[in-house]
Amino acid sequence: MIQNIFVGVLCVTVLGVGVFGFWLDNGNSFKKDDSDENNDKKVF
């Protein structure tokens, strides 16, 4: 029983960290401003 709760808490934590990392990687904003059009990331 306690193992299931612990695994559930870990899963929620990992999901939260993943969403937070995605949010940081995308510039803290899901909106696209006019100034963002010419500043797209380039992968070499």
PDB file of N, CA and C in Angstrom:
ATOM      1  N   MET A   1       0.822  -1.199   0.000  1.00  0.00           N
ATOM      2  CA  MET A   1       0.000   0.000   0.000  1.00  0.00           C
ATOM      3  C   MET A   1       0.866   1.263   0.000  1.00  0.00           C
ATOM      4  N   ILE A   2       1.838   1.315   0.891  1.00  0.00           N
ATOM      5  CA  ILE A   2       2.697   2.501   0.961  1.00  0.00           C
ATOM      6  C   ILE A   2       3.549   2.605  -0.300  1.00  0.00           C
ATOM      7  N   GLN A   3       3.942   1.460  -0.872  1.00  0.00           N
ATOM      8  CA  GLN A   3       4.726   1.488  -2.105  1.00  0.00           C
ATOM      9  C   GLN A   3       3.923   2.122  -3.239  1.00  0.00           C
ATOM     10  N   ASN A   4       2.639   1.818  -3.314  1.00  0.00           N
ATOM     11  CA  ASN A   4       1.797   2.381  -4.370  1.00  0.00           C
ATOM     12  C   ASN A   4       1.678   3.897  -4.227  1.00  0.00           C
ATOM     13  N   ILE A   5       1.546   4.367  -3.010  1.00  0.00           N
ATOM     14  CA  ILE A   5       1.459   5.812  -2.769  1.00  0.00           C
ATOM     15  C   ILE A   5       2.777   6.474  -3.148  1.00  0.00           C
ATOM     16  N   PHE A   6       3.895   5.861  -2.763  1.00  0.00           N
ATOM     17  CA  PHE A   6       5.211   6.413  -3.078  1.00  0.00           C
ATOM     18  C   PHE A   6       5.428   6.486  -4.585  1.00  0.00           C
ATOM     19  N   VAL A   7       5.060   5.424  -5.296  1.00  0.00           N
ATOM     20  CA  VAL A   7       5.208   5.414  -6.760  1.00  0.00           C
ATOM     21  C   VAL A   7       4.302   6.466  -7.392  1.00  0.00           C
ATOM     22  N   GLY A   8       3.114   6.651  -6.877  1.00  0.00           N
ATOM     23  CA  GLY A   8       2.212   7.670  -7.388  1.00  0.00           C
ATOM     24  C   GLY A   8       2.768   9.071  -7.199  1.00  0.00           C
ATOM     25  N   VAL A   9       3.342   9.327  -6.026  1.00  0.00           N
ATOM     26  CA  VAL A   9       3.945  10.636  -5.762  1.00  0.00           C
ATOM     27  C   VAL A   9       5.131  10.863  -6.688  1.00  0.00           C
ATOM     28  N   LEU A  10       5.955   9.842  -6.900  1.00  0.00           N
ATOM     29  CA  LEU A  10       7.089   9.978  -7.820  1.00  0.00           C
ATOM     30  C   LEU A  10       6.624  10.258  -9.242  1.00  0.00           C
ATOM     31  N   CYS A  11       5.573   9.591  -9.692  1.00  0.00           N
ATOM     32  CA  CYS A  11       5.066   9.817 -11.047  1.00  0.00           C
ATOM     33  C   CYS A  11       4.559  11.247 -11.218  1.00  0.00           C
ATOM     34  N   VAL A  12       3.844  11.746 -10.225  1.00  0.00           N
ATOM     35  CA  VAL A  12       3.339  13.121 -10.296  1.00  0.00           C
ATOM     36  C   VAL A  12       4.505  14.113 -10.287  1.00  0.00           C
ATOM     37  N   THR A  13       5.526  13.826  -9.489  1.00  0.00           N
ATOM     38  CA  THR A  13       6.699  14.708  -9.441  1.00  0.00           C
ATOM     39  C   THR A  13       7.429  14.731 -10.766  1.00  0.00           C
ATOM     40  N   VAL A  14       7.632  13.563 -11.357  1.00  0.00           N
ATOM     41  CA  VAL A  14       8.323  13.481 -12.650  1.00  0.00           C
ATOM     42  C   VAL A  14       7.525  14.198 -13.727  1.00  0.00           C
ATOM     43  N   LEU A  15       6.223  14.040 -13.732  1.00  0.00           N
ATOM     44  CA  LEU A  15       5.378  14.729 -14.710  1.00  0.00           C
ATOM     45  C   LEU A  15       5.463  16.239 -14.526  1.00  0.00           C
ATOM     46  N   GLY A  16       5.437  16.700 -13.285  1.00  0.00           N
ATOM     47  CA  GLY A  16       5.541  18.134 -13.021  1.00  0.00           C
ATOM     48  C   GLY A  16       6.878  18.703 -13.458  1.00  0.00           C
ATOM     49  N   VAL A  17       7.966  17.982 -13.191  1.00  0.00           N
ATOM     50  CA  VAL A  17       9.289  18.447 -13.609  1.00  0.00           C
ATOM     51  C   VAL A  17       9.384  18.467 -15.136  1.00  0.00           C
ATOM     52  N   GLY A  18       8.791  17.488 -15.796  1.00  0.00           N
ATOM     53  CA  GLY A  18       8.794  17.460 -17.264  1.00  0.00           C
ATOM     54  C   GLY A  18       8.057  18.650 -17.857  1.00  0.00           C
ATOM     55  N   VAL A  19       6.906  18.975 -17.306  1.00  0.00           N
ATOM     56  CA  VAL A  19       6.141  20.128 -17.789  1.00  0.00           C
ATOM     57  C   VAL A  19       6.897  21.426 -17.513  1.00  0.00           C
ATOM     58  N   PHE A  20       7.509  21.523 -16.341  1.00  0.00           N
ATOM     59  CA  PHE A  20       8.288  22.719 -15.999  1.00  0.00           C
ATOM     60  C   PHE A  20       9.489  22.882 -16.936  1.00  0.00           C
ATOM     61  N   GLY A  21      10.162  21.778 -17.256  1.00  0.00           N
ATOM     62  CA  GLY A  21      11.283  21.822 -18.194  1.00  0.00           C
ATOM     63  C   GLY A  21      10.847  22.225 -19.590  1.00  0.00           C
ATOM     64  N   PHE A  22       9.701  21.717 -20.030  1.00  0.00           N
ATOM     65  CA  PHE A  22       9.162  22.094 -21.336  1.00  0.00           C
ATOM     66  C   PHE A  22       8.844  23.582 -21.365  1.00  0.00           C
ATOM     67  N   TRP A  23       8.262  24.072 -20.267  1.00  0.00           N
ATOM     68  CA  TRP A  23       7.897  25.484 -20.170  1.00  0.00           C
ATOM     69  C   TRP A  23       9.147  26.358 -20.223  1.00  0.00           C
ATOM     70  N   LEU A  24      10.198  25.970 -19.507  1.00  0.00           N
ATOM     71  CA  LEU A  24      11.433  26.751 -19.526  1.00  0.00           C
ATOM     72  C   LEU A  24      12.106  26.707 -20.898  1.00  0.00           C
ATOM     73  N   ASP A  25      12.068  25.560 -21.554  1.00  0.00           N
ATOM     74  CA  ASP A  25      12.719  25.410 -22.852  1.00  0.00           C
ATOM     75  C   ASP A  25      12.037  26.260 -23.917  1.00  0.00           C
ATOM     76  N   ASN A  26      10.764  26.529 -23.745  1.00  0.00           N
ATOM     77  CA  ASN A  26      10.023  27.296 -24.737  1.00  0.00           C
ATOM     78  C   ASN A  26       9.885  28.764 -24.356  1.00  0.00           C
ATOM     79  N   GLY A  27      10.757  29.268 -23.542  1.00  0.00           N
ATOM     80  CA  GLY A  27      10.809  30.699 -23.256  1.00  0.00           C
ATOM     81  C   GLY A  27       9.764  31.210 -22.311  1.00  0.00           C
ATOM     82  N   ASN A  28       9.248  30.384 -21.423  1.00  0.00           N
ATOM     83  CA  ASN A  28       8.280  30.774 -20.398  1.00  0.00           C
ATOM     84  C   ASN A  28       6.974  31.315 -20.975  1.00  0.00           C
ATOM     85  N   SER A  29       6.697  31.083 -22.225  1.00  0.00           N
ATOM     86  CA  SER A  29       5.472  31.605 -22.808  1.00  0.00           C
ATOM     87  C   SER A  29       5.004  30.701 -23.935  1.00  0.00           C
ATOM     88  N   PHE A  30       3.704  30.480 -23.987  1.00  0.00           N
ATOM     89  CA  PHE A  30       3.137  29.698 -25.085  1.00  0.00           C
ATOM     90  C   PHE A  30       2.599  30.611 -26.182  1.00  0.00           C
ATOM     91  N   LYS A  31       2.632  31.936 -25.960  1.00  0.00           N
ATOM     92  CA  LYS A  31       2.165  32.882 -26.967  1.00  0.00           C
ATOM     93  C   LYS A  31       3.304  33.216 -27.921  1.00  0.00           C
ATOM     94  N   LYS A  32       2.960  33.483 -29.167  1.00  0.00           N
ATOM     95  CA  LYS A  32       3.972  33.855 -30.155  1.00  0.00           C
ATOM     96  C   LYS A  32       3.823  35.344 -30.432  1.00  0.00           C
ATOM     97  N   ASP A  33       4.818  36.132 -30.039  1.00  0.00           N
ATOM     98  CA  ASP A  33       4.788  37.572 -30.282  1.00  0.00           C
ATOM     99  C   ASP A  33       5.357  37.882 -31.663  1.00  0.00           C
ATOM    100  N   ASP A  34       5.176  39.133 -32.104  1.00  0.00           N
ATOM    101  CA  ASP A  34       5.716  39.541 -33.397  1.00  0.00           C
ATOM    102  C   ASP A  34       7.241  39.484 -33.400  1.00  0.00           C
ATOM    103  N   SER A  35       7.854  39.752 -32.252  1.00  0.00           N
ATOM    104  CA  SER A  35       9.312  39.747 -32.187  1.00  0.00           C
ATOM    105  C   SER A  35       9.883  38.336 -32.236  1.00  0.00           C
ATOM    106  N   ASP A  36       9.050  37.323 -32.008  1.00  0.00           N
ATOM    107  CA  ASP A  36       9.526  35.939 -32.017  1.00  0.00           C
ATOM    108  C   ASP A  36       9.636  35.356 -33.420  1.00  0.00           C
ATOM    109  N   GLU A  37       9.076  36.006 -34.404  1.00  0.00           N
ATOM    110  CA  GLU A  37       9.058  35.431 -35.752  1.00  0.00           C
ATOM    111  C   GLU A  37      10.450  35.254 -36.326  1.00  0.00           C
ATOM    112  N   ASN A  38      11.340  36.181 -36.056  1.00  0.00           N
ATOM    113  CA  ASN A  38      12.682  36.110 -36.616  1.00  0.00           C
ATOM    114  C   ASN A  38      13.703  35.519 -35.645  1.00  0.00           C
ATOM    115  N   ASN A  39      13.256  35.081 -34.486  1.00  0.00           N
ATOM    116  CA  ASN A  39      14.169  34.585 -33.467  1.00  0.00           C
ATOM    117  C   ASN A  39      13.968  33.104 -33.187  1.00  0.00           C
ATOM    118  N   ASP A  40      13.603  32.322 -34.183  1.00  0.00           N
ATOM    119  CA  ASP A  40      13.417  30.906 -33.980  1.00  0.00           C
ATOM    120  C   ASP A  40      14.757  30.220 -33.720  1.00  0.00           C
ATOM    121  N   LYS A  41      14.724  29.166 -32.935  1.00  0.00           N
ATOM    122  CA  LYS A  41      15.956  28.454 -32.635  1.00  0.00           C
ATOM    123  C   LYS A  41      16.440  27.709 -33.878  1.00  0.00           C
ATOM    124  N   LYS A  42      17.728  27.749 -34.107  1.00  0.00           N
ATOM    125  CA  LYS A  42      18.305  27.037 -35.244  1.00  0.00           C
ATOM    126  C   LYS A  42      19.146  25.887 -34.719  1.00  0.00           C
ATOM    127  N   VAL A  43      18.927  24.718 -35.277  1.00  0.00           N
ATOM    128  CA  VAL A  43      19.675  23.527 -34.862  1.00  0.00           C
ATOM    129  C   VAL A  43      20.699  23.222 -35.940  1.00  0.00           C
ATOM    130  N   PHE A  44      21.960  23.136 -35.541  1.00  0.00           N
ATOM    131  CA  PHE A  44      23.024  22.845 -36.488  1.00  0.00           C
ATOM    132  C   PHE A  44      23.544  21.455 -36.263  1.00  0.00           C
TER     133      PHE A  44
END
